[in-house]
PDB file of N, CA and C in Angstrom:
ATOM      1  N   UNK A   1     118.335  51.144 106.891  1.00  0.00           N
ATOM      2  CA  UNK A   1     117.171  51.999 106.979  1.00  0.00           C
ATOM      3  C   UNK A   1     116.523  52.072 105.605  1.00  0.00           C
ATOM      4  N   UNK A   2     115.198  52.051 105.578  1.00  0.00           N
ATOM      5  CA  UNK A   2     114.481  52.157 104.314  1.00  0.00           C
ATOM      6  C   UNK A   2     114.223  53.621 103.986  1.00  0.00           C
ATOM      7  N   UNK A   3     113.737  53.884 102.773  1.00  0.00           N
ATOM      8  CA  UNK A   3     113.468  55.252 102.329  1.00  0.00           C
ATOM      9  C   UNK A   3     112.318  55.865 103.114  1.00  0.00           C
ATOM     10  N   UNK A   4     112.288  57.205 103.125  1.00  0.00           N
ATOM     11  CA  UNK A   4     111.215  57.949 103.775  1.00  0.00           C
ATOM     12  C   UNK A   4     111.079  57.584 105.249  1.00  0.00           C
ATOM     13  N   UNK A   5     112.185  57.618 105.942  1.00  0.00           N
ATOM     14  CA  UNK A   5     112.196  57.137 107.309  1.00  0.00           C
ATOM     15  C   UNK A   5     113.086  58.016 108.187  1.00  0.00           C
ATOM     16  N   UNK A   6     112.724  58.094 109.462  1.00  0.00           N
ATOM     17  CA  UNK A   6     113.529  58.763 110.467  1.00  0.00           C
ATOM     18  C   UNK A   6     113.973  57.707 111.472  1.00  0.00           C
ATOM     19  N   UNK A   7     115.223  57.778 111.875  1.00  0.00           N
ATOM     20  CA  UNK A   7     115.755  56.873 112.896  1.00  0.00           C
ATOM     21  C   UNK A   7     116.285  57.737 114.039  1.00  0.00           C
ATOM     22  N   UNK A   8     115.889  57.404 115.274  1.00  0.00           N
ATOM     23  CA  UNK A   8     116.299  58.178 116.444  1.00  0.00           C
ATOM     24  C   UNK A   8     116.890  57.246 117.483  1.00  0.00           C
ATOM     25  N   UNK A   9     118.057  57.606 117.983  1.00  0.00           N
ATOM     26  CA  UNK A   9     118.653  56.893 119.107  1.00  0.00           C
ATOM     27  C   UNK A   9     118.979  57.918 120.192  1.00  0.00           C
ATOM     28  N   UNK A  10     119.242  57.427 121.412  1.00  0.00           N
ATOM     29  CA  UNK A  10     119.320  58.344 122.549  1.00  0.00           C
ATOM     30  C   UNK A  10     120.611  58.241 123.348  1.00  0.00           C
ATOM     31  N   UNK A  11     121.749  58.135 122.706  1.00  0.00           N
ATOM     32  CA  UNK A  11     123.038  58.238 123.400  1.00  0.00           C
ATOM     33  C   UNK A  11     123.090  57.436 124.699  1.00  0.00           C
ATOM     34  N   UNK A  12     122.833  56.156 124.625  1.00  0.00           N
ATOM     35  CA  UNK A  12     122.918  55.265 125.786  1.00  0.00           C
ATOM     36  C   UNK A  12     121.966  55.638 126.908  1.00  0.00           C
ATOM     37  N   UNK A  13     120.820  56.241 126.579  1.00  0.00           N
ATOM     38  CA  UNK A  13     119.813  56.601 127.579  1.00  0.00           C
ATOM     39  C   UNK A  13     118.459  56.048 127.154  1.00  0.00           C
ATOM     40  N   UNK A  14     118.244  54.744 127.355  1.00  0.00           N
ATOM     41  CA  UNK A  14     116.982  54.144 126.909  1.00  0.00           C
ATOM     42  C   UNK A  14     115.763  54.728 127.614  1.00  0.00           C
ATOM     43  N   UNK A  15     115.926  55.238 128.845  1.00  0.00           N
ATOM     44  CA  UNK A  15     114.790  55.849 129.539  1.00  0.00           C
ATOM     45  C   UNK A  15     114.329  57.116 128.816  1.00  0.00           C
ATOM     46  N   UNK A  16     115.276  57.894 128.322  1.00  0.00           N
ATOM     47  CA  UNK A  16     114.923  59.102 127.580  1.00  0.00           C
ATOM     48  C   UNK A  16     114.248  58.738 126.264  1.00  0.00           C
ATOM     49  N   UNK A  17     114.731  57.690 125.626  1.00  0.00           N
ATOM     50  CA  UNK A  17     114.104  57.238 124.385  1.00  0.00           C
ATOM     51  C   UNK A  17     112.683  56.754 124.652  1.00  0.00           C
ATOM     52  N   UNK A  18     112.470  56.041 125.757  1.00  0.00           N
ATOM     53  CA  UNK A  18     111.117  55.602 126.114  1.00  0.00           C
ATOM     54  C   UNK A  18     110.196  56.797 126.370  1.00  0.00           C
ATOM     55  N   UNK A  19     110.726  57.821 127.032  1.00  0.00           N
ATOM     56  CA  UNK A  19     109.933  59.025 127.290  1.00  0.00           C
ATOM     57  C   UNK A  19     109.551  59.709 125.974  1.00  0.00           C
ATOM     58  N   UNK A  20     110.477  59.761 125.026  1.00  0.00           N
ATOM     59  CA  UNK A  20     110.176  60.342 123.714  1.00  0.00           C
ATOM     60  C   UNK A  20     109.109  59.527 122.997  1.00  0.00           C
ATOM     61  N   UNK A  21     109.228  58.218 123.047  1.00  0.00           N
ATOM     62  CA  UNK A  21     108.240  57.344 122.398  1.00  0.00           C
ATOM     63  C   UNK A  21     106.852  57.602 122.976  1.00  0.00           C
ATOM     64  N   UNK A  22     106.763  57.690 124.287  1.00  0.00           N
ATOM     65  CA  UNK A  22     105.483  57.975 124.939  1.00  0.00           C
ATOM     66  C   UNK A  22     104.929  59.314 124.441  1.00  0.00           C
ATOM     67  N   UNK A  23     105.801  60.306 124.344  1.00  0.00           N
ATOM     68  CA  UNK A  23     105.407  61.637 123.863  1.00  0.00           C
ATOM     69  C   UNK A  23     104.881  61.558 122.423  1.00  0.00           C
ATOM     70  N   UNK A  24     105.624  60.893 121.551  1.00  0.00           N
ATOM     71  CA  UNK A  24     105.229  60.813 120.137  1.00  0.00           C
ATOM     72  C   UNK A  24     103.940  60.009 119.950  1.00  0.00           C
ATOM     73  N   UNK A  25     103.742  58.996 120.773  1.00  0.00           N
ATOM     74  CA  UNK A  25     102.518  58.194 120.670  1.00  0.00           C
ATOM     75  C   UNK A  25     101.274  58.992 121.060  1.00  0.00           C
ATOM     76  N   UNK A  26     101.453  60.093 121.749  1.00  0.00           N
ATOM     77  CA  UNK A  26     100.318  60.953 122.092  1.00  0.00           C
ATOM     78  C   UNK A  26      99.800  61.698 120.858  1.00  0.00           C
ATOM     79  N   UNK A  27     100.610  61.758 119.806  1.00  0.00           N
ATOM     80  CA  UNK A  27     100.205  62.382 118.536  1.00  0.00           C
ATOM     81  C   UNK A  27      99.458  61.338 117.701  1.00  0.00           C
ATOM     82  N   UNK A  28      98.164  61.568 117.496  1.00  0.00           N
ATOM     83  CA  UNK A  28      97.358  60.604 116.730  1.00  0.00           C
ATOM     84  C   UNK A  28      97.961  60.293 115.365  1.00  0.00           C
ATOM     85  N   UNK A  29      98.511  61.309 114.711  1.00  0.00           N
ATOM     86  CA  UNK A  29      99.055  61.121 113.367  1.00  0.00           C
ATOM     87  C   UNK A  29     100.342  60.304 113.340  1.00  0.00           C
ATOM     88  N   UNK A  30     101.018  60.179 114.470  1.00  0.00           N
ATOM     89  CA  UNK A  30     102.313  59.489 114.501  1.00  0.00           C
ATOM     90  C   UNK A  30     102.241  58.098 115.107  1.00  0.00           C
ATOM     91  N   UNK A  31     101.265  57.848 115.940  1.00  0.00           N
ATOM     92  CA  UNK A  31     101.202  56.621 116.740  1.00  0.00           C
ATOM     93  C   UNK A  31     101.449  55.360 115.913  1.00  0.00           C
ATOM     94  N   UNK A  32     100.763  55.205 114.805  1.00  0.00           N
ATOM     95  CA  UNK A  32     100.873  53.963 114.019  1.00  0.00           C
ATOM     96  C   UNK A  32     102.123  53.927 113.142  1.00  0.00           C
ATOM     97  N   UNK A  33     102.873  55.015 113.081  1.00  0.00           N
ATOM     98  CA  UNK A  33     104.056  55.087 112.221  1.00  0.00           C
ATOM     99  C   UNK A  33     105.348  54.778 112.967  1.00  0.00           C
ATOM    100  N   UNK A  34     105.260  54.574 114.289  1.00  0.00           N
ATOM    101  CA  UNK A  34     106.449  54.322 115.109  1.00  0.00           C
ATOM    102  C   UNK A  34     106.764  52.836 115.188  1.00  0.00           C
ATOM    103  N   UNK A  35     108.045  52.505 115.107  1.00  0.00           N
ATOM    104  CA  UNK A  35     108.514  51.131 115.298  1.00  0.00           C
ATOM    105  C   UNK A  35     109.691  51.173 116.262  1.00  0.00           C
ATOM    106  N   UNK A  36     109.668  50.325 117.272  1.00  0.00           N
ATOM    107  CA  UNK A  36     110.752  50.251 118.249  1.00  0.00           C
ATOM    108  C   UNK A  36     111.694  49.118 117.888  1.00  0.00           C
ATOM    109  N   UNK A  37     112.979  49.333 118.125  1.00  0.00           N
ATOM    110  CA  UNK A  37     113.997  48.334 117.809  1.00  0.00           C
ATOM    111  C   UNK A  37     114.849  48.099 119.050  1.00  0.00           C
ATOM    112  N   UNK A  38     114.985  46.835 119.431  1.00  0.00           N
ATOM    113  CA  UNK A  38     115.786  46.467 120.593  1.00  0.00           C
ATOM    114  C   UNK A  38     117.164  46.003 120.173  1.00  0.00           C
ATOM    115  N   UNK A  39     118.119  46.214 121.074  1.00  0.00           N
ATOM    116  CA  UNK A  39     119.456  45.652 120.860  1.00  0.00           C
ATOM    117  C   UNK A  39     119.362  44.144 121.011  1.00  0.00           C
ATOM    118  N   UNK A  40     120.183  43.443 120.295  1.00  0.00           N
ATOM    119  CA  UNK A  40     120.252  41.997 120.455  1.00  0.00           C
ATOM    120  C   UNK A  40     120.853  41.706 121.817  1.00  0.00           C
ATOM    121  N   UNK A  41     120.192  40.862 122.625  1.00  0.00           N
ATOM    122  CA  UNK A  41     120.731  40.584 123.957  1.00  0.00           C
ATOM    123  C   UNK A  41     122.064  39.851 123.885  1.00  0.00           C
ATOM    124  N   UNK A  42     122.926  40.196 124.805  1.00  0.00           N
ATOM    125  CA  UNK A  42     124.206  39.512 124.896  1.00  0.00           C
ATOM    126  C   UNK A  42     124.035  38.131 125.492  1.00  0.00           C
ATOM    127  N   UNK A  43     125.050  37.325 125.372  1.00  0.00           N
ATOM    128  CA  UNK A  43     124.988  35.970 125.901  1.00  0.00           C
ATOM    129  C   UNK A  43     124.762  36.028 127.405  1.00  0.00           C
ATOM    130  N   UNK A  44     123.797  35.244 127.891  1.00  0.00           N
ATOM    131  CA  UNK A  44     123.481  35.197 129.310  1.00  0.00           C
ATOM    132  C   UNK A  44     122.484  36.253 129.754  1.00  0.00           C
ATOM    133  N   UNK A  45     121.958  37.067 128.823  1.00  0.00           N
ATOM    134  CA  UNK A  45     120.969  38.082 129.168  1.00  0.00           C
ATOM    135  C   UNK A  45     119.597  37.654 128.667  1.00  0.00           C
ATOM    136  N   UNK A  46     118.561  38.064 129.393  1.00  0.00           N
ATOM    137  CA  UNK A  46     117.195  37.649 129.082  1.00  0.00           C
ATOM    138  C   UNK A  46     116.619  38.363 127.861  1.00  0.00           C
ATOM    139  N   UNK A  47     116.886  39.641 127.699  1.00  0.00           N
ATOM    140  CA  UNK A  47     116.296  40.371 126.585  1.00  0.00           C
ATOM    141  C   UNK A  47     117.138  41.572 126.227  1.00  0.00           C
ATOM    142  N   UNK A  48     116.829  42.154 125.085  1.00  0.00           N
ATOM    143  CA  UNK A  48     117.586  43.299 124.617  1.00  0.00           C
ATOM    144  C   UNK A  48     117.047  44.611 125.155  1.00  0.00           C
ATOM    145  N   UNK A  49     117.915  45.598 125.278  1.00  0.00           N
ATOM    146  CA  UNK A  49     117.511  46.943 125.684  1.00  0.00           C
ATOM    147  C   UNK A  49     117.017  47.698 124.468  1.00  0.00           C
ATOM    148  N   UNK A  50     116.205  48.700 124.719  1.00  0.00           N
ATOM    149  CA  UNK A  50     115.710  49.534 123.636  1.00  0.00           C
ATOM    150  C   UNK A  50     116.890  50.236 122.980  1.00  0.00           C
ATOM    151  N   UNK A  51     116.998  50.147 121.659  1.00  0.00           N
ATOM    152  CA  UNK A  51     118.138  50.681 120.925  1.00  0.00           C
ATOM    153  C   UNK A  51     117.775  51.958 120.169  1.00  0.00           C
ATOM    154  N   UNK A  52     116.715  51.928 119.368  1.00  0.00           N
ATOM    155  CA  UNK A  52     116.317  53.097 118.595  1.00  0.00           C
ATOM    156  C   UNK A  52     114.868  52.935 118.149  1.00  0.00           C
ATOM    157  N   UNK A  53     114.303  54.015 117.624  1.00  0.00           N
ATOM    158  CA  UNK A  53     112.974  53.943 117.044  1.00  0.00           C
ATOM    159  C   UNK A  53     113.032  54.461 115.620  1.00  0.00           C
ATOM    160  N   UNK A  54     112.106  54.010 114.820  1.00  0.00           N
ATOM    161  CA  UNK A  54     111.983  54.530 113.455  1.00  0.00           C
ATOM    162  C   UNK A  54     110.565  55.048 113.280  1.00  0.00           C
ATOM    163  N   UNK A  55     110.442  55.984 112.369  1.00  0.00           N
ATOM    164  CA  UNK A  55     109.167  56.602 112.056  1.00  0.00           C
ATOM    165  C   UNK A  55     109.094  56.765 110.550  1.00  0.00           C
ATOM    166  N   UNK A  56     108.022  56.289 109.945  1.00  0.00           N
ATOM    167  CA  UNK A  56     107.831  56.444 108.506  1.00  0.00           C
ATOM    168  C   UNK A  56     107.309  57.838 108.209  1.00  0.00           C
ATOM    169  N   UNK A  57     107.874  58.471 107.191  1.00  0.00           N
ATOM    170  CA  UNK A  57     107.459  59.806 106.785  1.00  0.00           C
ATOM    171  C   UNK A  57     106.535  59.732 105.584  1.00  0.00           C
ATOM    172  N   UNK A  58     106.118  60.893 105.124  1.00  0.00           N
ATOM    173  CA  UNK A  58     105.277  60.988 103.948  1.00  0.00           C
ATOM    174  C   UNK A  58     103.911  61.526 104.316  1.00  0.00           C
ATOM    175  N   UNK A  59     103.254  62.125 103.347  1.00  0.00           N
ATOM    176  CA  UNK A  59     101.902  62.610 103.557  1.00  0.00           C
ATOM    177  C   UNK A  59     101.783  63.721 104.587  1.00  0.00           C
ATOM    178  N   UNK A  60     102.827  64.514 104.764  1.00  0.00           N
ATOM    179  CA  UNK A  60     102.773  65.619 105.709  1.00  0.00           C
ATOM    180  C   UNK A  60     103.120  65.257 107.135  1.00  0.00           C
ATOM    181  N   UNK A  61     103.394  63.988 107.410  1.00  0.00           N
ATOM    182  CA  UNK A  61     103.680  63.570 108.779  1.00  0.00           C
ATOM    183  C   UNK A  61     105.058  64.011 109.252  1.00  0.00           C
ATOM    184  N   UNK A  62     105.949  64.315 108.333  1.00  0.00           N
ATOM    185  CA  UNK A  62     107.288  64.757 108.715  1.00  0.00           C
ATOM    186  C   UNK A  62     107.256  66.032 109.520  1.00  0.00           C
ATOM    187  N   UNK A  63     106.454  66.989 109.102  1.00  0.00           N
ATOM    188  CA  UNK A  63     106.364  68.255 109.823  1.00  0.00           C
ATOM    189  C   UNK A  63     105.738  68.050 111.197  1.00  0.00           C
ATOM    190  N   UNK A  64     104.718  67.203 111.295  1.00  0.00           N
ATOM    191  CA  UNK A  64     104.102  66.890 112.589  1.00  0.00           C
ATOM    192  C   UNK A  64     105.154  66.298 113.525  1.00  0.00           C
ATOM    193  N   UNK A  65     105.946  65.358 113.005  1.00  0.00           N
ATOM    194  CA  UNK A  65     106.986  64.727 113.809  1.00  0.00           C
ATOM    195  C   UNK A  65     108.020  65.747 114.296  1.00  0.00           C
ATOM    196  N   UNK A  66     108.523  66.564 113.384  1.00  0.00           N
ATOM    197  CA  UNK A  66     109.581  67.514 113.736  1.00  0.00           C
ATOM    198  C   UNK A  66     109.098  68.498 114.795  1.00  0.00           C
ATOM    199  N   UNK A  67     107.913  69.035 114.626  1.00  0.00           N
ATOM    200  CA  UNK A  67     107.391  69.980 115.609  1.00  0.00           C
ATOM    201  C   UNK A  67     107.188  69.309 116.964  1.00  0.00           C
ATOM    202  N   UNK A  68     106.696  68.092 116.964  1.00  0.00           N
ATOM    203  CA  UNK A  68     106.501  67.368 118.217  1.00  0.00           C
ATOM    204  C   UNK A  68     107.837  67.078 118.901  1.00  0.00           C
ATOM    205  N   UNK A  69     108.826  66.650 118.115  1.00  0.00           N
ATOM    206  CA  UNK A  69     110.152  66.356 118.666  1.00  0.00           C
ATOM    207  C   UNK A  69     110.773  67.595 119.303  1.00  0.00           C
ATOM    208  N   UNK A  70     110.719  68.726 118.625  1.00  0.00           N
ATOM    209  CA  UNK A  70     111.343  69.929 119.164  1.00  0.00           C
ATOM    210  C   UNK A  70     110.556  70.502 120.340  1.00  0.00           C
ATOM    211  N   UNK A  71     109.259  70.309 120.375  1.00  0.00           N
ATOM    212  CA  UNK A  71     108.483  70.688 121.557  1.00  0.00           C
ATOM    213  C   UNK A  71     108.919  69.839 122.740  1.00  0.00           C
ATOM    214  N   UNK A  72     109.088  68.547 122.504  1.00  0.00           N
ATOM    215  CA  UNK A  72     109.567  67.637 123.549  1.00  0.00           C
ATOM    216  C   UNK A  72     110.925  68.099 124.087  1.00  0.00           C
ATOM    217  N   UNK A  73     111.858  68.354 123.193  1.00  0.00           N
ATOM    218  CA  UNK A  73     113.194  68.789 123.622  1.00  0.00           C
ATOM    219  C   UNK A  73     113.123  70.085 124.427  1.00  0.00           C
ATOM    220  N   UNK A  74     112.282  70.996 124.012  1.00  0.00           N
ATOM    221  CA  UNK A  74     112.168  72.273 124.700  1.00  0.00           C
ATOM    222  C   UNK A  74     111.596  72.162 126.098  1.00  0.00           C
ATOM    223  N   UNK A  75     110.871  71.098 126.382  1.00  0.00           N
ATOM    224  CA  UNK A  75     110.250  70.933 127.692  1.00  0.00           C
ATOM    225  C   UNK A  75     111.069  70.092 128.658  1.00  0.00           C
ATOM    226  N   UNK A  76     112.137  69.472 128.189  1.00  0.00           N
ATOM    227  CA  UNK A  76     112.959  68.626 129.064  1.00  0.00           C
ATOM    228  C   UNK A  76     113.858  69.490 129.933  1.00  0.00           C
ATOM    229  N   UNK A  77     113.912  69.171 131.226  1.00  0.00           N
ATOM    230  CA  UNK A  77     114.743  69.935 132.166  1.00  0.00           C
ATOM    231  C   UNK A  77     116.173  69.398 132.221  1.00  0.00           C
ATOM    232  N   UNK A  78     116.318  68.079 132.105  1.00  0.00           N
ATOM    233  CA  UNK A  78     117.673  67.515 132.124  1.00  0.00           C
ATOM    234  C   UNK A  78     118.260  67.547 130.719  1.00  0.00           C
ATOM    235  N   UNK A  79     119.567  67.398 130.634  1.00  0.00           N
ATOM    236  CA  UNK A  79     120.245  67.386 129.344  1.00  0.00           C
ATOM    237  C   UNK A  79     119.824  66.148 128.552  1.00  0.00           C
ATOM    238  N   UNK A  80     119.461  66.368 127.298  1.00  0.00           N
ATOM    239  CA  UNK A  80     118.993  65.302 126.422  1.00  0.00           C
ATOM    240  C   UNK A  80     119.802  65.350 125.135  1.00  0.00           C
ATOM    241  N   UNK A  81     120.213  64.168 124.649  1.00  0.00           N
ATOM    242  CA  UNK A  81     120.920  64.075 123.372  1.00  0.00           C
ATOM    243  C   UNK A  81     120.273  62.964 122.548  1.00  0.00           C
ATOM    244  N   UNK A  82     119.841  63.312 121.344  1.00  0.00           N
ATOM    245  CA  UNK A  82     119.311  62.334 120.400  1.00  0.00           C
ATOM    246  C   UNK A  82     120.122  62.412 119.119  1.00  0.00           C
ATOM    247  N   UNK A  83     120.398  61.265 118.531  1.00  0.00           N
ATOM    248  CA  UNK A  83     120.963  61.210 117.188  1.00  0.00           C
ATOM    249  C   UNK A  83     119.799  60.954 116.244  1.00  0.00           C
ATOM    250  N   UNK A  84     119.681  61.798 115.246  1.00  0.00           N
ATOM    251  CA  UNK A  84     118.578  61.754 114.304  1.00  0.00           C
ATOM    252  C   UNK A  84     119.134  61.518 112.910  1.00  0.00           C
ATOM    253  N   UNK A  85     118.579  60.545 112.212  1.00  0.00           N
ATOM    254  CA  UNK A  85     118.957  60.295 110.822  1.00  0.00           C
ATOM    255  C   UNK A  85     117.689  60.246 109.987  1.00  0.00           C
ATOM    256  N   UNK A  86     117.617  61.095 108.984  1.00  0.00           N
ATOM    257  CA  UNK A  86     116.487  61.121 108.062  1.00  0.00           C
ATOM    258  C   UNK A  86     116.962  60.628 106.717  1.00  0.00           C
ATOM    259  N   UNK A  87     116.134  59.823 106.061  1.00  0.00           N
ATOM    260  CA  UNK A  87     116.457  59.362 104.716  1.00  0.00           C
ATOM    261  C   UNK A  87     115.232  59.544 103.832  1.00  0.00           C
ATOM    262  N   UNK A  88     115.435  60.220 102.706  1.00  0.00           N
ATOM    263  CA  UNK A  88     114.364  60.433 101.734  1.00  0.00           C
ATOM    264  C   UNK A  88     114.385  59.333 100.679  1.00  0.00           C
ATOM    265  N   UNK A  89     113.310  59.260  99.936  1.00  0.00           N
ATOM    266  CA  UNK A  89     113.182  58.264  98.873  1.00  0.00           C
ATOM    267  C   UNK A  89     114.220  58.405  97.787  1.00  0.00           C
ATOM    268  N   UNK A  90     114.780  59.603  97.633  1.00  0.00           N
ATOM    269  CA  UNK A  90     115.806  59.806  96.607  1.00  0.00           C
ATOM    270  C   UNK A  90     117.198  59.423  97.105  1.00  0.00           C
ATOM    271  N   UNK A  91     117.272  58.848  98.320  1.00  0.00           N
ATOM    272  CA  UNK A  91     118.549  58.395  98.863  1.00  0.00           C
ATOM    273  C   UNK A  91     119.310  59.439  99.659  1.00  0.00           C
ATOM    274  N   UNK A  92     118.861  60.674  99.659  1.00  0.00           N
ATOM    275  CA  UNK A  92     119.526  61.726 100.426  1.00  0.00           C
ATOM    276  C   UNK A  92     119.326  61.493 101.918  1.00  0.00           C
ATOM    277  N   UNK A  93     120.390  61.719 102.678  1.00  0.00           N
ATOM    278  CA  UNK A  93     120.339  61.535 104.127  1.00  0.00           C
ATOM    279  C   UNK A  93     120.770  62.806 104.842  1.00  0.00           C
ATOM    280  N   UNK A  94     120.206  62.973 106.005  1.00  0.00           N
ATOM    281  CA  UNK A  94     120.578  64.070 106.889  1.00  0.00           C
ATOM    282  C   UNK A  94     120.782  63.474 108.271  1.00  0.00           C
ATOM    283  N   UNK A  95     121.965  63.702 108.839  1.00  0.00           N
ATOM    284  CA  UNK A  95     122.278  63.206 110.187  1.00  0.00           C
ATOM    285  C   UNK A  95     122.552  64.393 111.090  1.00  0.00           C
ATOM    286  N   UNK A  96     121.910  64.384 112.248  1.00  0.00           N
ATOM    287  CA  UNK A  96     122.053  65.478 113.202  1.00  0.00           C
ATOM    288  C   UNK A  96     122.141  64.939 114.615  1.00  0.00           C
ATOM    289  N   UNK A  97     122.822  65.649 115.456  1.00  0.00           N
ATOM    290  CA  UNK A  97     122.784  65.399 116.896  1.00  0.00           C
ATOM    291  C   UNK A  97     121.957  66.519 117.502  1.00  0.00           C
ATOM    292  N   UNK A  98     120.869  66.144 118.148  1.00  0.00           N
ATOM    293  CA  UNK A  98     119.951  67.106 118.729  1.00  0.00           C
ATOM    294  C   UNK A  98     120.102  67.134 120.243  1.00  0.00           C
ATOM    295  N   UNK A  99     120.109  68.322 120.806  1.00  0.00           N
ATOM    296  CA  UNK A  99     120.126  68.486 122.257  1.00  0.00           C
ATOM    297  C   UNK A  99     119.126  69.560 122.644  1.00  0.00           C
ATOM    298  N   UNK A 100     118.813  69.607 123.910  1.00  0.00           N
ATOM    299  CA  UNK A 100     117.956  70.679 124.394  1.00  0.00           C
ATOM    300  C   UNK A 100     118.798  71.776 125.042  1.00  0.00           C
ATOM    301  N   UNK A 101     120.120  71.693 124.910  1.00  0.00           N
ATOM    302  CA  UNK A 101     121.022  72.686 125.485  1.00  0.00           C
ATOM    303  C   UNK A 101     121.253  73.872 124.557  1.00  0.00           C
ATOM    304  N   UNK A 102     120.909  73.722 123.299  1.00  0.00           N
ATOM    305  CA  UNK A 102     121.181  74.755 122.297  1.00  0.00           C
ATOM    306  C   UNK A 102     119.873  75.261 121.700  1.00  0.00           C
ATOM    307  N   UNK A 103     119.949  76.402 121.042  1.00  0.00           N
ATOM    308  CA  UNK A 103     118.787  76.914 120.331  1.00  0.00           C
ATOM    309  C   UNK A 103     118.454  75.958 119.191  1.00  0.00           C
ATOM    310  N   UNK A 104     117.218  75.527 119.149  1.00  0.00           N
ATOM    311  CA  UNK A 104     116.813  74.528 118.159  1.00  0.00           C
ATOM    312  C   UNK A 104     116.269  75.151 116.883  1.00  0.00           C
ATOM    313  N   UNK A 105     116.099  76.461 116.849  1.00  0.00           N
ATOM    314  CA  UNK A 105     115.425  77.091 115.711  1.00  0.00           C
ATOM    315  C   UNK A 105     116.112  76.803 114.368  1.00  0.00           C
ATOM    316  N   UNK A 106     117.420  76.981 114.283  1.00  0.00           N
ATOM    317  CA  UNK A 106     118.129  76.743 113.023  1.00  0.00           C
ATOM    318  C   UNK A 106     118.062  75.269 112.629  1.00  0.00           C
ATOM    319  N   UNK A 107     118.201  74.376 113.617  1.00  0.00           N
ATOM    320  CA  UNK A 107     118.131  72.942 113.341  1.00  0.00           C
ATOM    321  C   UNK A 107     116.735  72.566 112.873  1.00  0.00           C
ATOM    322  N   UNK A 108     115.728  73.117 113.508  1.00  0.00           N
ATOM    323  CA  UNK A 108     114.347  72.857 113.120  1.00  0.00           C
ATOM    324  C   UNK A 108     114.110  73.252 111.671  1.00  0.00           C
ATOM    325  N   UNK A 109     114.588  74.412 111.281  1.00  0.00           N
ATOM    326  CA  UNK A 109     114.425  74.869 109.899  1.00  0.00           C
ATOM    327  C   UNK A 109     115.150  73.950 108.919  1.00  0.00           C
ATOM    328  N   UNK A 110     116.342  73.486 109.284  1.00  0.00           N
ATOM    329  CA  UNK A 110     117.107  72.571 108.422  1.00  0.00           C
ATOM    330  C   UNK A 110     116.333  71.274 108.198  1.00  0.00           C
ATOM    331  N   UNK A 111     115.790  70.719 109.267  1.00  0.00           N
ATOM    332  CA  UNK A 111     115.061  69.457 109.173  1.00  0.00           C
ATOM    333  C   UNK A 111     113.790  69.633 108.346  1.00  0.00           C
ATOM    334  N   UNK A 112     113.051  70.695 108.593  1.00  0.00           N
ATOM    335  CA  UNK A 112     111.816  70.923 107.828  1.00  0.00           C
ATOM    336  C   UNK A 112     112.115  71.119 106.346  1.00  0.00           C
ATOM    337  N   UNK A 113     113.173  71.865 106.012  1.00  0.00           N
ATOM    338  CA  UNK A 113     113.538  72.034 104.594  1.00  0.00           C
ATOM    339  C   UNK A 113     113.887  70.693 103.962  1.00  0.00           C
ATOM    340  N   UNK A 114     114.622  69.852 104.689  1.00  0.00           N
ATOM    341  CA  UNK A 114     114.999  68.533 104.180  1.00  0.00           C
ATOM    342  C   UNK A 114     113.747  67.688 103.909  1.00  0.00           C
ATOM    343  N   UNK A 115     112.820  67.682 104.845  1.00  0.00           N
ATOM    344  CA  UNK A 115     111.595  66.901 104.688  1.00  0.00           C
ATOM    345  C   UNK A 115     110.720  67.469 103.577  1.00  0.00           C
ATOM    346  N   UNK A 116     110.563  68.795 103.566  1.00  0.00           N
ATOM    347  CA  UNK A 116     109.704  69.423 102.570  1.00  0.00           C
ATOM    348  C   UNK A 116     110.207  69.231 101.137  1.00  0.00           C
ATOM    349  N   UNK A 117     111.503  69.040 100.973  1.00  0.00           N
ATOM    350  CA  UNK A 117     112.044  68.794  99.642  1.00  0.00           C
ATOM    351  C   UNK A 117     111.517  67.478  99.075  1.00  0.00           C
ATOM    352  N   UNK A 118     111.097  66.578  99.941  1.00  0.00           N
ATOM    353  CA  UNK A 118     110.588  65.261  99.528  1.00  0.00           C
ATOM    354  C   UNK A 118     109.078  65.278  99.362  1.00  0.00           C
ATOM    355  N   UNK A 119     108.369  65.979 100.265  1.00  0.00           N
ATOM    356  CA  UNK A 119     106.906  65.886 100.305  1.00  0.00           C
ATOM    357  C   UNK A 119     106.236  66.757  99.289  1.00  0.00           C
TER     358      UNK A 119
END
């Protein structure tokens, strides 16, 4: 992972990851910052499954991303699990497992503080 980047994977649920991507692409400020990454296909398979997405941070986009992500989680009816890894330009990393089963307020504050320390 490069600096100033967020990496999100979806616990073996590529459909949920696709739904998140669709949600994030609705944000004008985030659309061009998203990159999708596929798993390398196994022998005898036609193509790879969606593995994770990355989003470049900086210029205030981190807060837009975090608020959009937590709004998405709050609106999901089924159980959702995302692994989130943030990396700042100074090499500091934050890894979290996000779900919509728990109160997101404390996690949201942690992520925003981590991002704001860079921006």
